[in-house]
Amino acid sequence: MFDIKKIITKALLAVTFALGASAAWAIPTYHVNIDSSQFVGKGGAMLLSFNSKQAATSAFADVSNFGGIFEYELSRSGAVTGAIPGIVNFANSGNLNYLMHKVTLGGMLSFDVTFHGDFETIPGSFGALFGVALVDLDTGDYHGAENNLIEFDLNPPLDDGGTPTIKIDNPTRIVTVTTNAVPEPSDLLLVMTGLGLVAFVRRRTSKATR
């Protein structure tokens, strides 16, 4: 015999999870992979920079989940906190914000980066640029490109209610980027509500079968 209440409850749960899965996502996480196999045996350092023009809308970059052989820090400047292999935080204040870290070339180097700050909601004329380069420590030249291997160009909305943009410029084939979406807090609440309803229904079902 069918229980109409149970059928309706399960249908509502299905809708809840569908909404939670397909709802809008907030700040994405970019996973960057750098194939340095063609530079095996050469000395190198990874240069991470996050810079903008003066009076630019504030922005922040959080870099984490480093993969590969990161040896030791060489230098840093400006609004940079934290250290590899933990989380490194950059702000776009000032003109020169960078971290240079010695790496072993020849394998895969990777990390995650997320961006946040006023540039998401406050209109402005200037954005910020997050760049990643591999530097030859023997010659001072760059590996794989004339300068940055990849750049993330952050631009605030042009007017109230506009949408910020993040343009990725990847001039080489040795870098790949994948995007992992992060749910809005409201979406997380929706999913948690759905999980709570699942637990409630299972508890009621368990009691009814005893």
C-alpha atoms as a PDB file:
ATOM      1  CA  MET A   1       0.000   0.000   0.000  1.00  0.00           C
ATOM      2  CA  PHE A   2       1.327   3.405  -0.996  1.00  0.00           C
ATOM      3  CA  ASP A   3       1.866   6.084   1.620  1.00  0.00           C
ATOM      4  CA  ILE A   4       1.021   9.392  -0.096  1.00  0.00           C
ATOM      5  CA  LYS A   5       2.744  11.445   2.617  1.00  0.00           C
ATOM      6  CA  LYS A   6       5.997   9.555   2.156  1.00  0.00           C
ATOM      7  CA  ILE A   7       5.847   9.912  -1.611  1.00  0.00           C
ATOM      8  CA  ILE A   8       5.281  13.680  -1.322  1.00  0.00           C
ATOM      9  CA  THR A   9       8.077  14.002   1.233  1.00  0.00           C
ATOM     10  CA  LYS A  10      10.546  12.156  -0.989  1.00  0.00           C
ATOM     11  CA  ALA A  11       9.536  14.264  -3.974  1.00  0.00           C
ATOM     12  CA  LEU A  12      10.162  17.445  -1.983  1.00  0.00           C
ATOM     13  CA  LEU A  13      13.563  16.120  -0.949  1.00  0.00           C
ATOM     14  CA  ALA A  14      14.451  15.425  -4.574  1.00  0.00           C
ATOM     15  CA  VAL A  15      13.524  18.984  -5.486  1.00  0.00           C
ATOM     16  CA  THR A  16      15.563  20.326  -2.572  1.00  0.00           C
ATOM     17  CA  PHE A  17      18.714  18.504  -3.684  1.00  0.00           C
ATOM     18  CA  ALA A  18      18.190  19.492  -7.301  1.00  0.00           C
ATOM     19  CA  LEU A  19      17.976  23.140  -6.310  1.00  0.00           C
ATOM     20  CA  GLY A  20      21.027  22.831  -4.081  1.00  0.00           C
ATOM     21  CA  ALA A  21      23.054  21.231  -6.857  1.00  0.00           C
ATOM     22  CA  SER A  22      22.091  23.631  -9.623  1.00  0.00           C
ATOM     23  CA  ALA A  23      21.929  26.909  -7.709  1.00  0.00           C
ATOM     24  CA  ALA A  24      24.274  29.794  -8.477  1.00  0.00           C
ATOM     25  CA  TRP A  25      27.841  29.429  -7.307  1.00  0.00           C
ATOM     26  CA  ALA A  26      29.821  32.149  -5.633  1.00  0.00           C
ATOM     27  CA  ILE A  27      33.604  32.425  -5.837  1.00  0.00           C
ATOM     28  CA  PRO A  28      35.169  29.654  -7.935  1.00  0.00           C
ATOM     29  CA  THR A  29      38.431  27.980  -7.041  1.00  0.00           C
ATOM     30  CA  TYR A  30      40.901  27.734  -9.903  1.00  0.00           C
ATOM     31  CA  HIS A  31      43.225  24.721  -9.908  1.00  0.00           C
ATOM     32  CA  VAL A  32      46.415  25.460 -11.847  1.00  0.00           C
ATOM     33  CA  ASN A  33      48.700  22.710 -13.191  1.00  0.00           C
ATOM     34  CA  ILE A  34      52.111  23.519 -14.664  1.00  0.00           C
ATOM     35  CA  ASP A  35      53.975  20.817 -16.599  1.00  0.00           C
ATOM     36  CA  SER A  36      57.660  21.630 -16.154  1.00  0.00           C
ATOM     37  CA  SER A  37      58.966  18.388 -17.696  1.00  0.00           C
ATOM     38  CA  GLN A  38      60.715  20.234 -20.552  1.00  0.00           C
ATOM     39  CA  PHE A  39      62.818  22.154 -18.005  1.00  0.00           C
ATOM     40  CA  VAL A  40      64.168  19.134 -16.143  1.00  0.00           C
ATOM     41  CA  GLY A  41      67.670  19.719 -14.795  1.00  0.00           C
ATOM     42  CA  LYS A  42      67.390  23.491 -14.984  1.00  0.00           C
ATOM     43  CA  GLY A  43      67.313  25.783 -11.985  1.00  0.00           C
ATOM     44  CA  GLY A  44      64.029  27.506 -11.394  1.00  0.00           C
ATOM     45  CA  ALA A  45      61.711  29.444  -9.147  1.00  0.00           C
ATOM     46  CA  MET A  46      57.991  30.100  -9.221  1.00  0.00           C
ATOM     47  CA  LEU A  47      57.063  33.762  -9.152  1.00  0.00           C
ATOM     48  CA  LEU A  48      53.546  34.587  -7.921  1.00  0.00           C
ATOM     49  CA  SER A  49      52.477  38.219  -8.229  1.00  0.00           C
ATOM     50  CA  PHE A  50      49.277  40.185  -7.622  1.00  0.00           C
ATOM     51  CA  ASN A  51      49.466  43.800  -8.707  1.00  0.00           C
ATOM     52  CA  SER A  52      47.261  46.681  -9.793  1.00  0.00           C
ATOM     53  CA  LYS A  53      47.318  50.374 -10.503  1.00  0.00           C
ATOM     54  CA  GLN A  54      47.030  52.779  -7.615  1.00  0.00           C
ATOM     55  CA  ALA A  55      43.465  53.528  -6.466  1.00  0.00           C
ATOM     56  CA  ALA A  56      42.278  50.197  -7.886  1.00  0.00           C
ATOM     57  CA  THR A  57      39.307  48.478  -6.275  1.00  0.00           C
ATOM     58  CA  SER A  58      40.574  46.217  -3.490  1.00  0.00           C
ATOM     59  CA  ALA A  59      41.011  42.537  -4.244  1.00  0.00           C
ATOM     60  CA  PHE A  60      42.613  39.534  -2.575  1.00  0.00           C
ATOM     61  CA  ALA A  61      44.082  36.267  -3.839  1.00  0.00           C
ATOM     62  CA  ASP A  62      44.377  33.166  -1.636  1.00  0.00           C
ATOM     63  CA  VAL A  63      46.774  30.500  -2.915  1.00  0.00           C
ATOM     64  CA  SER A  64      46.837  27.027  -1.348  1.00  0.00           C
ATOM     65  CA  ASN A  65      47.096  23.246  -1.919  1.00  0.00           C
ATOM     66  CA  PHE A  66      50.555  23.385  -3.451  1.00  0.00           C
ATOM     67  CA  GLY A  67      51.660  20.253  -5.299  1.00  0.00           C
ATOM     68  CA  GLY A  68      55.116  19.371  -6.596  1.00  0.00           C
ATOM     69  CA  ILE A  69      58.517  20.064  -5.099  1.00  0.00           C
ATOM     70  CA  PHE A  70      58.583  23.536  -3.526  1.00  0.00           C
ATOM     71  CA  GLU A  71      61.959  23.906  -1.828  1.00  0.00           C
ATOM     72  CA  TYR A  72      62.352  27.230  -0.019  1.00  0.00           C
ATOM     73  CA  GLU A  73      61.338  30.865  -0.265  1.00  0.00           C
ATOM     74  CA  LEU A  74      63.715  33.229  -2.032  1.00  0.00           C
ATOM     75  CA  SER A  75      62.065  36.619  -1.626  1.00  0.00           C
ATOM     76  CA  ARG A  76      58.801  38.496  -1.221  1.00  0.00           C
ATOM     77  CA  SER A  77      57.563  42.048  -1.369  1.00  0.00           C
ATOM     78  CA  GLY A  78      54.457  44.054  -0.546  1.00  0.00           C
ATOM     79  CA  ALA A  79      51.123  42.798   0.775  1.00  0.00           C
ATOM     80  CA  VAL A  80      51.917  39.084   1.027  1.00  0.00           C
ATOM     81  CA  THR A  81      51.278  36.921   4.098  1.00  0.00           C
ATOM     82  CA  GLY A  82      51.542  33.210   4.803  1.00  0.00           C
ATOM     83  CA  ALA A  83      54.038  30.753   3.379  1.00  0.00           C
ATOM     84  CA  ILE A  84      54.236  27.681   1.157  1.00  0.00           C
ATOM     85  CA  PRO A  85      53.151  24.875   1.669  1.00  0.00           C
ATOM     86  CA  GLY A  86      50.362  26.539   3.651  1.00  0.00           C
ATOM     87  CA  ILE A  87      48.067  29.319   2.453  1.00  0.00           C
ATOM     88  CA  VAL A  88      49.599  32.415   0.891  1.00  0.00           C
ATOM     89  CA  ASN A  89      47.450  35.564   0.861  1.00  0.00           C
ATOM     90  CA  PHE A  90      47.979  38.447  -1.548  1.00  0.00           C
ATOM     91  CA  ALA A  91      46.363  41.897  -1.548  1.00  0.00           C
ATOM     92  CA  ASN A  92      46.494  44.223  -4.543  1.00  0.00           C
ATOM     93  CA  SER A  93      47.525  47.238  -2.445  1.00  0.00           C
ATOM     94  CA  GLY A  94      50.574  49.077  -3.719  1.00  0.00           C
ATOM     95  CA  ASN A  95      52.422  48.484  -6.947  1.00  0.00           C
ATOM     96  CA  LEU A  96      54.572  45.423  -6.247  1.00  0.00           C
ATOM     97  CA  ASN A  97      53.269  42.354  -4.418  1.00  0.00           C
ATOM     98  CA  TYR A  98      55.074  39.105  -5.147  1.00  0.00           C
ATOM     99  CA  LEU A  99      56.456  35.864  -3.736  1.00  0.00           C
ATOM    100  CA  MET A 100      59.360  33.976  -5.324  1.00  0.00           C
ATOM    101  CA  HIS A 101      59.889  30.373  -4.257  1.00  0.00           C
ATOM    102  CA  LYS A 102      62.561  27.888  -5.328  1.00  0.00           C
ATOM    103  CA  VAL A 103      61.099  24.830  -7.064  1.00  0.00           C
ATOM    104  CA  THR A 104      62.446  21.631  -8.576  1.00  0.00           C
ATOM    105  CA  LEU A 105      61.617  21.547 -12.274  1.00  0.00           C
ATOM    106  CA  GLY A 106      60.897  18.402 -14.261  1.00  0.00           C
ATOM    107  CA  GLY A 107      57.490  17.386 -12.909  1.00  0.00           C
ATOM    108  CA  MET A 108      54.061  18.811 -12.244  1.00  0.00           C
ATOM    109  CA  LEU A 109      53.653  21.932 -10.130  1.00  0.00           C
ATOM    110  CA  SER A 110      50.181  22.892  -8.989  1.00  0.00           C
ATOM    111  CA  PHE A 111      48.124  25.050  -6.640  1.00  0.00           C
ATOM    112  CA  ASP A 112      44.627  26.409  -6.044  1.00  0.00           C
ATOM    113  CA  VAL A 113      43.764  30.106  -6.141  1.00  0.00           C
ATOM    114  CA  THR A 114      40.597  31.986  -5.201  1.00  0.00           C
ATOM    115  CA  PHE A 115      39.814  35.689  -5.505  1.00  0.00           C
ATOM    116  CA  HIS A 116      37.593  37.940  -3.415  1.00  0.00           C
ATOM    117  CA  GLY A 117      37.200  41.539  -2.305  1.00  0.00           C
ATOM    118  CA  ASP A 118      35.445  44.757  -3.218  1.00  0.00           C
ATOM    119  CA  PHE A 119      36.071  44.181  -6.919  1.00  0.00           C
ATOM    120  CA  GLU A 120      33.145  41.730  -6.849  1.00  0.00           C
ATOM    121  CA  THR A 121      30.534  44.363  -6.028  1.00  0.00           C
ATOM    122  CA  ILE A 122      31.995  47.889  -6.152  1.00  0.00           C
ATOM    123  CA  PRO A 123      32.316  49.534  -9.591  1.00  0.00           C
ATOM    124  CA  GLY A 124      35.744  50.780 -10.552  1.00  0.00           C
ATOM    125  CA  SER A 125      38.038  51.666 -13.405  1.00  0.00           C
ATOM    126  CA  PHE A 126      41.017  49.515 -12.430  1.00  0.00           C
ATOM    127  CA  GLY A 127      41.304  45.845 -11.630  1.00  0.00           C
ATOM    128  CA  ALA A 128      44.172  43.608 -10.570  1.00  0.00           C
ATOM    129  CA  LEU A 129      46.386  41.060 -12.274  1.00  0.00           C
ATOM    130  CA  PHE A 130      47.467  37.754 -10.708  1.00  0.00           C
ATOM    131  CA  GLY A 131      50.405  36.274 -12.591  1.00  0.00           C
ATOM    132  CA  VAL A 132      52.431  33.066 -12.419  1.00  0.00           C
ATOM    133  CA  ALA A 133      55.886  32.681 -13.950  1.00  0.00           C
ATOM    134  CA  LEU A 134      58.814  30.277 -13.841  1.00  0.00           C
ATOM    135  CA  VAL A 135      62.138  32.044 -13.579  1.00  0.00           C
ATOM    136  CA  ASP A 136      65.543  30.674 -14.595  1.00  0.00           C
ATOM    137  CA  LEU A 137      67.716  31.435 -11.582  1.00  0.00           C
ATOM    138  CA  ASP A 138      70.922  31.102 -13.600  1.00  0.00           C
ATOM    139  CA  THR A 139      70.094  33.602 -16.334  1.00  0.00           C
ATOM    140  CA  GLY A 140      67.206  35.615 -14.917  1.00  0.00           C
ATOM    141  CA  ASP A 141      65.106  34.736 -17.964  1.00  0.00           C
ATOM    142  CA  TYR A 142      61.666  33.145 -17.892  1.00  0.00           C
ATOM    143  CA  HIS A 143      60.923  29.494 -18.598  1.00  0.00           C
ATOM    144  CA  GLY A 144      58.233  28.757 -21.180  1.00  0.00           C
ATOM    145  CA  ALA A 145      57.157  32.319 -21.963  1.00  0.00           C
ATOM    146  CA  GLU A 146      58.422  35.877 -22.235  1.00  0.00           C
ATOM    147  CA  ASN A 147      57.040  36.613 -18.769  1.00  0.00           C
ATOM    148  CA  ASN A 148      53.987  35.078 -17.044  1.00  0.00           C
ATOM    149  CA  LEU A 149      52.884  31.586 -18.001  1.00  0.00           C
ATOM    150  CA  ILE A 150      49.332  32.458 -17.007  1.00  0.00           C
ATOM    151  CA  GLU A 151      47.482  35.576 -15.861  1.00  0.00           C
ATOM    152  CA  PHE A 152      44.151  36.154 -14.143  1.00  0.00           C
ATOM    153  CA  ASP A 153      42.817  39.604 -15.032  1.00  0.00           C
ATOM    154  CA  LEU A 154      40.297  40.751 -12.386  1.00  0.00           C
ATOM    155  CA  ASN A 155      37.940  43.544 -13.389  1.00  0.00           C
ATOM    156  CA  PRO A 156      35.281  45.137 -11.148  1.00  0.00           C
ATOM    157  CA  PRO A 157      31.795  45.868 -12.539  1.00  0.00           C
ATOM    158  CA  LEU A 158      31.552  49.005 -14.652  1.00  0.00           C
ATOM    159  CA  ASP A 159      28.383  50.202 -12.920  1.00  0.00           C
ATOM    160  CA  ASP A 160      26.118  49.440  -9.951  1.00  0.00           C
ATOM    161  CA  GLY A 161      24.520  46.056 -10.377  1.00  0.00           C
ATOM    162  CA  GLY A 162      27.096  45.025 -12.948  1.00  0.00           C
ATOM    163  CA  THR A 163      29.081  41.810 -12.978  1.00  0.00           C
ATOM    164  CA  PRO A 164      32.811  41.530 -12.261  1.00  0.00           C
ATOM    165  CA  THR A 165      34.899  39.496 -14.687  1.00  0.00           C
ATOM    166  CA  ILE A 166      37.964  37.292 -14.372  1.00  0.00           C
ATOM    167  CA  LYS A 167      39.740  36.802 -17.685  1.00  0.00           C
ATOM    168  CA  ILE A 168      42.316  34.034 -17.913  1.00  0.00           C
ATOM    169  CA  ASP A 169      45.199  34.548 -20.326  1.00  0.00           C
ATOM    170  CA  ASN A 170      47.116  31.323 -20.871  1.00  0.00           C
ATOM    171  CA  PRO A 171      49.617  31.819 -23.705  1.00  0.00           C
ATOM    172  CA  THR A 172      51.345  28.441 -23.312  1.00  0.00           C
ATOM    173  CA  ARG A 173      50.346  24.795 -23.469  1.00  0.00           C
ATOM    174  CA  ILE A 174      52.256  23.759 -20.367  1.00  0.00           C
ATOM    175  CA  VAL A 175      49.592  25.232 -18.059  1.00  0.00           C
ATOM    176  CA  THR A 176      46.078  23.909 -17.571  1.00  0.00           C
ATOM    177  CA  VAL A 177      43.339  25.409 -15.404  1.00  0.00           C
ATOM    178  CA  THR A 178      40.209  23.771 -14.029  1.00  0.00           C
ATOM    179  CA  THR A 179      37.462  25.507 -12.106  1.00  0.00           C
ATOM    180  CA  ASN A 180      35.779  24.151  -8.986  1.00  0.00           C
ATOM    181  CA  ALA A 181      32.631  26.023  -7.977  1.00  0.00           C
ATOM    182  CA  VAL A 182      31.998  26.996  -4.356  1.00  0.00           C
ATOM    183  CA  PRO A 183      28.364  27.191  -3.204  1.00  0.00           C
ATOM    184  CA  GLU A 184      26.729  30.309  -1.839  1.00  0.00           C
ATOM    185  CA  PRO A 185      25.983  30.210   1.937  1.00  0.00           C
ATOM    186  CA  SER A 186      22.276  30.113   1.083  1.00  0.00           C
ATOM    187  CA  ASP A 187      22.856  27.064  -1.104  1.00  0.00           C
ATOM    188  CA  LEU A 188      24.710  25.314   1.712  1.00  0.00           C
ATOM    189  CA  LEU A 189      21.771  26.034   4.018  1.00  0.00           C
ATOM    190  CA  LEU A 190      19.436  24.521   1.435  1.00  0.00           C
ATOM    191  CA  VAL A 191      21.514  21.358   1.199  1.00  0.00           C
ATOM    192  CA  MET A 192      21.774  21.058   4.983  1.00  0.00           C
ATOM    193  CA  THR A 193      17.998  21.415   5.241  1.00  0.00           C
ATOM    194  CA  GLY A 194      17.611  18.598   2.721  1.00  0.00           C
ATOM    195  CA  LEU A 195      19.956  16.369   4.708  1.00  0.00           C
ATOM    196  CA  GLY A 196      17.998  17.114   7.854  1.00  0.00           C
ATOM    197  CA  LEU A 197      14.771  16.103   6.147  1.00  0.00           C
ATOM    198  CA  VAL A 198      16.365  12.858   4.950  1.00  0.00           C
ATOM    199  CA  ALA A 199      17.412  12.004   8.512  1.00  0.00           C
ATOM    200  CA  PHE A 200      13.914  12.831   9.777  1.00  0.00           C
ATOM    201  CA  VAL A 201      12.205  10.617   7.187  1.00  0.00           C
ATOM    202  CA  ARG A 202      14.548   7.699   7.872  1.00  0.00           C
ATOM    203  CA  ARG A 203      13.934   7.984  11.606  1.00  0.00           C
ATOM    204  CA  ARG A 204      10.166   7.995  11.097  1.00  0.00           C
ATOM    205  CA  THR A 205      10.407   5.021   8.715  1.00  0.00           C
ATOM    206  CA  SER A 206      12.567   3.085  11.157  1.00  0.00           C
ATOM    207  CA  LYS A 207      10.068   3.624  13.985  1.00  0.00           C
ATOM    208  CA  ALA A 208       7.130   2.607  11.799  1.00  0.00           C
ATOM    209  CA  THR A 209       8.715  -0.754  10.879  1.00  0.00           C
ATOM    210  CA  ARG A 210       9.357  -1.752  14.488  1.00  0.00           C
END
